[in-house]
Amino acid sequence: MKADWNIRFINVPSNTKWEFEEIDIPDKYEIDVTGTEEVDGKIVPKTRGMSGTVLTNTANDAQITNKMTKTSLTVKKIVSGNMGNKTDRFKFVVSLSNNGSAVTDWVPKYKPDTATVTPKKGSSIGEYTFELGHDESIEFTNIPIGYVCKVIEDAASSEGYEVNYDLAGINTDGVAATSDGLNVQVTNTRNSNVPTGIHTDSTIWRWLIGACFLMFFGSALYGRRKRRQ
């Protein structure tokens, strides 16, 4: 059966016991069973399982709902380097796709609930934005297994930093979610080359030697002229 299909058995004699179950369930799905059954002569909601007894002049209904099995995506931010500012905030964009098509109706659930996740302005492909600072992380908890997750750090907010994603492909083609979930650390590094010594083979060093020689020679010449006077 496909989504929203149903089947009805008619002319079933009263007190007929029935039972059925779904088989060959895809790995990406889990089952949620709803319906009614008879317990001590009363019709009560089903909890699990698909069996019952046909009651006289009463419709017996049962419904199977297949839900996508969910997993998680965790994004962590690290700032490093001797010029890295650990008070900076960095903007990200997260999105999902399935079979090459954007999942436009995805509404992310996440932890901690104090984080701010908002739809990206002007986006028509279900993108959401969020911010992270040094050593902060966010976990998106409703990622269907097999869907492709994509996380991109905004280039403007990371200007001046070298950005490295430790999960290959997460910022380009995306990565398919697995039952173990996805974890990505985004490290922003900014360094400044601070001189630690003088290299004797450098042009600056040769200029310094020349300058010292001129100063010494000029001082000696000035002293000689002064003594003559």
C-alpha atoms as a PDB file:
ATOM      1  CA  MET A   1       0.000   0.000   0.000  1.00  0.00           C
ATOM      2  CA  LYS A   2       1.068   3.580  -0.656  1.00  0.00           C
ATOM      3  CA  ALA A   3       0.582   6.705   1.415  1.00  0.00           C
ATOM      4  CA  ASP A   4      -3.085   7.532   2.112  1.00  0.00           C
ATOM      5  CA  TRP A   5      -4.305   4.262   0.622  1.00  0.00           C
ATOM      6  CA  ASN A   6      -6.874   2.163   2.496  1.00  0.00           C
ATOM      7  CA  ILE A   7      -8.579  -1.162   2.062  1.00  0.00           C
ATOM      8  CA  ARG A   8     -11.966  -2.341   3.377  1.00  0.00           C
ATOM      9  CA  PHE A   9     -13.122  -5.912   3.857  1.00  0.00           C
ATOM     10  CA  ILE A  10     -16.914  -6.275   3.623  1.00  0.00           C
ATOM     11  CA  ASN A  11     -19.423  -9.030   4.495  1.00  0.00           C
ATOM     12  CA  VAL A  12     -17.199 -10.316   7.274  1.00  0.00           C
ATOM     13  CA  PRO A  13     -19.228 -12.491   9.725  1.00  0.00           C
ATOM     14  CA  SER A  14     -19.574 -11.241  13.288  1.00  0.00           C
ATOM     15  CA  ASN A  15     -17.124 -12.575  15.854  1.00  0.00           C
ATOM     16  CA  THR A  16     -14.546 -13.214  13.142  1.00  0.00           C
ATOM     17  CA  LYS A  17     -11.075 -12.737  14.540  1.00  0.00           C
ATOM     18  CA  TRP A  18      -8.640 -10.855  12.336  1.00  0.00           C
ATOM     19  CA  GLU A  19      -4.941 -10.110  12.407  1.00  0.00           C
ATOM     20  CA  PHE A  20      -2.436  -8.510  10.049  1.00  0.00           C
ATOM     21  CA  GLU A  21       0.987  -6.911  10.169  1.00  0.00           C
ATOM     22  CA  GLU A  22       3.220  -4.878   7.895  1.00  0.00           C
ATOM     23  CA  ILE A  23       6.299  -6.648   6.579  1.00  0.00           C
ATOM     24  CA  ASP A  24       9.401  -5.618   4.641  1.00  0.00           C
ATOM     25  CA  ILE A  25       9.552  -2.211   6.304  1.00  0.00           C
ATOM     26  CA  PRO A  26      12.330   0.006   4.860  1.00  0.00           C
ATOM     27  CA  ASP A  27      15.191   0.674   7.278  1.00  0.00           C
ATOM     28  CA  LYS A  28      14.421   4.413   7.303  1.00  0.00           C
ATOM     29  CA  TYR A  29      10.949   3.919   8.794  1.00  0.00           C
ATOM     30  CA  GLU A  30       9.375   2.999  12.100  1.00  0.00           C
ATOM     31  CA  ILE A  31       5.749   1.936  12.704  1.00  0.00           C
ATOM     32  CA  ASP A  32       3.072   3.690  14.704  1.00  0.00           C
ATOM     33  CA  VAL A  33      -0.178   1.703  14.966  1.00  0.00           C
ATOM     34  CA  THR A  34      -3.517   3.306  15.802  1.00  0.00           C
ATOM     35  CA  GLY A  35      -7.103   1.986  15.757  1.00  0.00           C
ATOM     36  CA  THR A  36      -9.623   0.276  18.006  1.00  0.00           C
ATOM     37  CA  GLU A  37     -10.181  -3.221  19.347  1.00  0.00           C
ATOM     38  CA  GLU A  38     -12.566  -5.053  21.656  1.00  0.00           C
ATOM     39  CA  VAL A  39     -11.538  -5.575  25.255  1.00  0.00           C
ATOM     40  CA  ASP A  40     -14.107  -7.143  27.619  1.00  0.00           C
ATOM     41  CA  GLY A  41     -16.913  -6.302  25.210  1.00  0.00           C
ATOM     42  CA  LYS A  42     -15.853  -2.665  24.862  1.00  0.00           C
ATOM     43  CA  ILE A  43     -14.208  -0.775  21.974  1.00  0.00           C
ATOM     44  CA  VAL A  44     -10.931   0.750  23.131  1.00  0.00           C
ATOM     45  CA  PRO A  45      -7.990   2.388  21.343  1.00  0.00           C
ATOM     46  CA  LYS A  46      -5.230   0.119  20.145  1.00  0.00           C
ATOM     47  CA  THR A  47      -1.818   0.482  21.687  1.00  0.00           C
ATOM     48  CA  ARG A  48       0.310  -1.818  19.533  1.00  0.00           C
ATOM     49  CA  GLY A  49      -0.323  -4.793  17.269  1.00  0.00           C
ATOM     50  CA  MET A  50      -2.904  -5.419  14.615  1.00  0.00           C
ATOM     51  CA  SER A  51      -5.555  -7.940  15.671  1.00  0.00           C
ATOM     52  CA  GLY A  52      -9.153  -7.959  16.872  1.00  0.00           C
ATOM     53  CA  THR A  53     -12.663  -9.376  16.554  1.00  0.00           C
ATOM     54  CA  VAL A  54     -15.373  -8.140  14.204  1.00  0.00           C
ATOM     55  CA  LEU A  55     -18.316  -6.842  16.248  1.00  0.00           C
ATOM     56  CA  THR A  56     -21.937  -6.920  15.088  1.00  0.00           C
ATOM     57  CA  ASN A  57     -22.985  -3.749  13.204  1.00  0.00           C
ATOM     58  CA  THR A  58     -19.741  -2.014  14.185  1.00  0.00           C
ATOM     59  CA  ALA A  59     -16.965  -0.764  11.948  1.00  0.00           C
ATOM     60  CA  ASN A  60     -13.540  -1.958  13.024  1.00  0.00           C
ATOM     61  CA  ASP A  61     -10.785   0.413  11.994  1.00  0.00           C
ATOM     62  CA  ALA A  62      -7.034   0.186  12.215  1.00  0.00           C
ATOM     63  CA  GLN A  63      -4.333   2.478  10.869  1.00  0.00           C
ATOM     64  CA  ILE A  64      -0.634   2.005  10.299  1.00  0.00           C
ATOM     65  CA  THR A  65       1.536   5.121  10.177  1.00  0.00           C
ATOM     66  CA  ASN A  66       5.078   4.865   8.868  1.00  0.00           C
ATOM     67  CA  LYS A  67       7.327   7.541  10.303  1.00  0.00           C
ATOM     68  CA  MET A  68      10.816   8.390   9.126  1.00  0.00           C
ATOM     69  CA  THR A  69      13.371   7.282  11.692  1.00  0.00           C
ATOM     70  CA  LYS A  70      15.111  10.406  13.016  1.00  0.00           C
ATOM     71  CA  THR A  71      18.728  11.016  13.911  1.00  0.00           C
ATOM     72  CA  SER A  72      20.764  14.128  14.797  1.00  0.00           C
ATOM     73  CA  LEU A  73      23.256  16.645  13.434  1.00  0.00           C
ATOM     74  CA  THR A  74      25.637  18.410  15.839  1.00  0.00           C
ATOM     75  CA  VAL A  75      27.687  21.457  14.818  1.00  0.00           C
ATOM     76  CA  LYS A  76      30.508  22.762  17.039  1.00  0.00           C
ATOM     77  CA  LYS A  77      32.583  25.933  16.610  1.00  0.00           C
ATOM     78  CA  ILE A  78      36.243  26.355  17.616  1.00  0.00           C
ATOM     79  CA  VAL A  79      38.335  29.542  17.254  1.00  0.00           C
ATOM     80  CA  SER A  80      42.135  29.175  17.220  1.00  0.00           C
ATOM     81  CA  GLY A  81      45.327  31.048  16.320  1.00  0.00           C
ATOM     82  CA  ASN A  82      47.264  33.845  17.964  1.00  0.00           C
ATOM     83  CA  MET A  83      44.922  36.423  16.388  1.00  0.00           C
ATOM     84  CA  GLY A  84      41.707  34.448  16.801  1.00  0.00           C
ATOM     85  CA  ASN A  85      39.048  36.419  18.672  1.00  0.00           C
ATOM     86  CA  LYS A  86      37.126  34.040  20.897  1.00  0.00           C
ATOM     87  CA  THR A  87      34.381  36.604  21.461  1.00  0.00           C
ATOM     88  CA  ASP A  88      33.467  36.689  17.755  1.00  0.00           C
ATOM     89  CA  ARG A  89      30.115  35.276  16.591  1.00  0.00           C
ATOM     90  CA  PHE A  90      29.868  33.289  13.368  1.00  0.00           C
ATOM     91  CA  LYS A  91      26.799  32.765  11.186  1.00  0.00           C
ATOM     92  CA  PHE A  92      25.838  29.442   9.607  1.00  0.00           C
ATOM     93  CA  VAL A  93      23.255  28.125   7.151  1.00  0.00           C
ATOM     94  CA  VAL A  94      21.819  24.597   7.477  1.00  0.00           C
ATOM     95  CA  SER A  95      19.594  22.768   4.992  1.00  0.00           C
ATOM     96  CA  LEU A  96      18.338  19.292   4.062  1.00  0.00           C
ATOM     97  CA  SER A  97      17.821  17.512   0.781  1.00  0.00           C
ATOM     98  CA  ASN A  98      16.438  14.117  -0.224  1.00  0.00           C
ATOM     99  CA  ASN A  99      17.186  12.400  -3.522  1.00  0.00           C
ATOM    100  CA  GLY A 100      18.718  15.620  -4.807  1.00  0.00           C
ATOM    101  CA  SER A 101      15.713  17.818  -3.982  1.00  0.00           C
ATOM    102  CA  ALA A 102      15.587  20.439  -1.229  1.00  0.00           C
ATOM    103  CA  VAL A 103      13.336  19.620   1.729  1.00  0.00           C
ATOM    104  CA  THR A 104      11.451  22.899   1.871  1.00  0.00           C
ATOM    105  CA  ASP A 105       8.979  21.922   4.620  1.00  0.00           C
ATOM    106  CA  TRP A 106      11.607  20.909   7.192  1.00  0.00           C
ATOM    107  CA  VAL A 107      11.223  22.781  10.481  1.00  0.00           C
ATOM    108  CA  PRO A 108      14.289  22.077  12.650  1.00  0.00           C
ATOM    109  CA  LYS A 109      14.122  20.975  16.260  1.00  0.00           C
ATOM    110  CA  TYR A 110      17.280  21.680  18.214  1.00  0.00           C
ATOM    111  CA  LYS A 111      19.131  21.776  21.519  1.00  0.00           C
ATOM    112  CA  PRO A 112      19.806  23.886  23.491  1.00  0.00           C
ATOM    113  CA  ASP A 113      16.424  25.556  23.216  1.00  0.00           C
ATOM    114  CA  THR A 114      18.093  28.879  24.046  1.00  0.00           C
ATOM    115  CA  ALA A 115      19.712  28.904  20.596  1.00  0.00           C
ATOM    116  CA  THR A 116      18.261  31.131  17.882  1.00  0.00           C
ATOM    117  CA  VAL A 117      17.444  29.377  14.612  1.00  0.00           C
ATOM    118  CA  THR A 118      15.518  31.347  11.984  1.00  0.00           C
ATOM    119  CA  PRO A 119      14.507  30.850   8.330  1.00  0.00           C
ATOM    120  CA  LYS A 120      17.064  32.381   5.969  1.00  0.00           C
ATOM    121  CA  LYS A 121      15.692  35.561   4.433  1.00  0.00           C
ATOM    122  CA  GLY A 122      14.955  35.231   0.735  1.00  0.00           C
ATOM    123  CA  SER A 123      15.532  31.467   0.659  1.00  0.00           C
ATOM    124  CA  SER A 124      13.001  29.222  -1.053  1.00  0.00           C
ATOM    125  CA  ILE A 125      14.747  25.917  -0.360  1.00  0.00           C
ATOM    126  CA  GLY A 126      14.150  25.515   3.372  1.00  0.00           C
ATOM    127  CA  GLU A 127      17.419  26.994   4.653  1.00  0.00           C
ATOM    128  CA  TYR A 128      17.830  28.115   8.274  1.00  0.00           C
ATOM    129  CA  THR A 129      20.436  30.352   9.898  1.00  0.00           C
ATOM    130  CA  PHE A 130      22.051  30.214  13.348  1.00  0.00           C
ATOM    131  CA  GLU A 131      25.090  31.596  15.161  1.00  0.00           C
ATOM    132  CA  LEU A 132      27.861  30.017  17.218  1.00  0.00           C
ATOM    133  CA  GLY A 133      30.780  31.358  19.233  1.00  0.00           C
ATOM    134  CA  HIS A 134      33.967  29.661  20.394  1.00  0.00           C
ATOM    135  CA  ASP A 135      33.374  26.248  22.000  1.00  0.00           C
ATOM    136  CA  GLU A 136      29.610  26.450  21.428  1.00  0.00           C
ATOM    137  CA  SER A 137      27.542  23.767  19.716  1.00  0.00           C
ATOM    138  CA  ILE A 138      24.005  23.106  18.516  1.00  0.00           C
ATOM    139  CA  GLU A 139      22.258  19.780  17.944  1.00  0.00           C
ATOM    140  CA  PHE A 140      19.480  19.395  15.382  1.00  0.00           C
ATOM    141  CA  THR A 141      17.419  16.447  16.583  1.00  0.00           C
ATOM    142  CA  ASN A 142      14.909  15.747  13.788  1.00  0.00           C
ATOM    143  CA  ILE A 143      17.044  14.696  10.822  1.00  0.00           C
ATOM    144  CA  PRO A 144      15.506  11.784   8.873  1.00  0.00           C
ATOM    145  CA  ILE A 145      18.019   8.997   8.293  1.00  0.00           C
ATOM    146  CA  GLY A 146      19.307   9.068   4.745  1.00  0.00           C
ATOM    147  CA  TYR A 147      18.563  12.746   4.185  1.00  0.00           C
ATOM    148  CA  VAL A 148      21.560  14.864   3.159  1.00  0.00           C
ATOM    149  CA  CYS A 149      22.624  17.613   5.570  1.00  0.00           C
ATOM    150  CA  LYS A 150      24.528  20.699   4.460  1.00  0.00           C
ATOM    151  CA  VAL A 151      26.180  23.239   6.789  1.00  0.00           C
ATOM    152  CA  ILE A 152      27.900  26.366   5.467  1.00  0.00           C
ATOM    153  CA  GLU A 153      29.565  29.124   7.473  1.00  0.00           C
ATOM    154  CA  ASP A 154      28.759  32.597   6.173  1.00  0.00           C
ATOM    155  CA  ALA A 155      31.819  33.998   4.380  1.00  0.00           C
ATOM    156  CA  ALA A 156      31.265  37.539   5.641  1.00  0.00           C
ATOM    157  CA  SER A 157      31.250  36.532   9.316  1.00  0.00           C
ATOM    158  CA  SER A 158      34.450  34.477   8.928  1.00  0.00           C
ATOM    159  CA  GLU A 159      36.386  37.086   6.944  1.00  0.00           C
ATOM    160  CA  GLY A 160      40.069  37.008   7.866  1.00  0.00           C
ATOM    161  CA  TYR A 161      39.871  33.436   9.166  1.00  0.00           C
ATOM    162  CA  GLU A 162      40.910  30.144   7.616  1.00  0.00           C
ATOM    163  CA  VAL A 163      37.837  27.889   7.915  1.00  0.00           C
ATOM    164  CA  ASN A 164      38.170  24.117   8.242  1.00  0.00           C
ATOM    165  CA  TYR A 165      35.343  21.540   8.397  1.00  0.00           C
ATOM    166  CA  ASP A 166      36.382  18.219   9.930  1.00  0.00           C
ATOM    167  CA  LEU A 167      33.532  16.357   8.181  1.00  0.00           C
ATOM    168  CA  ALA A 168      34.426  16.240   4.489  1.00  0.00           C
ATOM    169  CA  GLY A 169      31.683  17.386   2.139  1.00  0.00           C
ATOM    170  CA  ILE A 170      29.364  18.857   4.782  1.00  0.00           C
ATOM    171  CA  ASN A 171      29.835  22.375   3.325  1.00  0.00           C
ATOM    172  CA  THR A 172      29.767  21.428  -0.375  1.00  0.00           C
ATOM    173  CA  ASP A 173      27.609  18.481  -1.445  1.00  0.00           C
ATOM    174  CA  GLY A 174      26.341  17.642   2.043  1.00  0.00           C
ATOM    175  CA  VAL A 175      26.526  14.345   3.966  1.00  0.00           C
ATOM    176  CA  ALA A 176      23.818  11.675   4.342  1.00  0.00           C
ATOM    177  CA  ALA A 177      22.599  11.252   7.922  1.00  0.00           C
ATOM    178  CA  THR A 178      23.079   7.833   9.532  1.00  0.00           C
ATOM    179  CA  SER A 179      21.586   6.172  12.590  1.00  0.00           C
ATOM    180  CA  ASP A 180      24.695   7.241  14.539  1.00  0.00           C
ATOM    181  CA  GLY A 181      24.050  10.884  13.683  1.00  0.00           C
ATOM    182  CA  LEU A 182      26.436  13.425  12.217  1.00  0.00           C
ATOM    183  CA  ASN A 183      29.013  15.509  14.069  1.00  0.00           C
ATOM    184  CA  VAL A 184      30.925  18.365  12.485  1.00  0.00           C
ATOM    185  CA  GLN A 185      33.472  20.703  14.049  1.00  0.00           C
ATOM    186  CA  VAL A 186      34.138  23.978  12.252  1.00  0.00           C
ATOM    187  CA  THR A 187      37.481  25.543  13.219  1.00  0.00           C
ATOM    188  CA  ASN A 188      38.323  29.143  12.386  1.00  0.00           C
ATOM    189  CA  THR A 189      42.041  29.971  12.559  1.00  0.00           C
ATOM    190  CA  ARG A 190      43.697  33.366  12.315  1.00  0.00           C
ATOM    191  CA  ASN A 191      47.432  33.892  12.886  1.00  0.00           C
ATOM    192  CA  SER A 192      49.829  36.835  12.606  1.00  0.00           C
ATOM    193  CA  ASN A 193      53.502  36.320  11.702  1.00  0.00           C
ATOM    194  CA  VAL A 194      55.308  37.896  14.651  1.00  0.00           C
ATOM    195  CA  PRO A 195      59.147  38.256  14.214  1.00  0.00           C
ATOM    196  CA  THR A 196      60.955  36.068  16.717  1.00  0.00           C
ATOM    197  CA  GLY A 197      64.592  36.960  15.793  1.00  0.00           C
ATOM    198  CA  ILE A 198      66.935  38.507  13.201  1.00  0.00           C
ATOM    199  CA  HIS A 199      68.050  36.390  10.272  1.00  0.00           C
ATOM    200  CA  THR A 200      71.644  37.185   9.283  1.00  0.00           C
ATOM    201  CA  ASP A 201      70.929  36.472   5.629  1.00  0.00           C
ATOM    202  CA  SER A 202      68.084  38.955   5.380  1.00  0.00           C
ATOM    203  CA  THR A 203      68.130  42.202   3.415  1.00  0.00           C
ATOM    204  CA  ILE A 204      67.076  44.096   6.553  1.00  0.00           C
ATOM    205  CA  TRP A 205      70.133  42.829   8.420  1.00  0.00           C
ATOM    206  CA  ARG A 206      72.467  44.022   5.641  1.00  0.00           C
ATOM    207  CA  TRP A 207      70.811  47.446   5.659  1.00  0.00           C
ATOM    208  CA  LEU A 208      71.287  47.658   9.436  1.00  0.00           C
ATOM    209  CA  ILE A 209      75.010  46.905   9.102  1.00  0.00           C
ATOM    210  CA  GLY A 210      75.330  49.558   6.422  1.00  0.00           C
ATOM    211  CA  ALA A 211      73.476  52.117   8.537  1.00  0.00           C
ATOM    212  CA  CYS A 212      75.696  51.430  11.556  1.00  0.00           C
ATOM    213  CA  PHE A 213      78.829  51.812   9.384  1.00  0.00           C
ATOM    214  CA  LEU A 214      77.650  55.171   8.031  1.00  0.00           C
ATOM    215  CA  MET A 215      76.827  56.403  11.520  1.00  0.00           C
ATOM    216  CA  PHE A 216      80.278  55.379  12.790  1.00  0.00           C
ATOM    217  CA  PHE A 217      82.091  56.850   9.785  1.00  0.00           C
ATOM    218  CA  GLY A 218      80.124  60.099   9.996  1.00  0.00           C
ATOM    219  CA  SER A 219      80.792  60.424  13.723  1.00  0.00           C
ATOM    220  CA  ALA A 220      84.537  59.886  13.236  1.00  0.00           C
ATOM    221  CA  LEU A 221      84.697  62.428  10.393  1.00  0.00           C
ATOM    222  CA  TYR A 222      82.810  65.008  12.459  1.00  0.00           C
ATOM    223  CA  GLY A 223      85.183  64.489  15.395  1.00  0.00           C
ATOM    224  CA  ARG A 224      88.253  64.921  13.186  1.00  0.00           C
ATOM    225  CA  ARG A 225      86.946  68.161  11.739  1.00  0.00           C
ATOM    226  CA  LYS A 226      86.142  69.480  15.212  1.00  0.00           C
ATOM    227  CA  ARG A 227      89.675  68.799  16.483  1.00  0.00           C
ATOM    228  CA  ARG A 228      91.172  70.659  13.484  1.00  0.00           C
ATOM    229  CA  GLN A 229      89.106  73.699  14.365  1.00  0.00           C
END
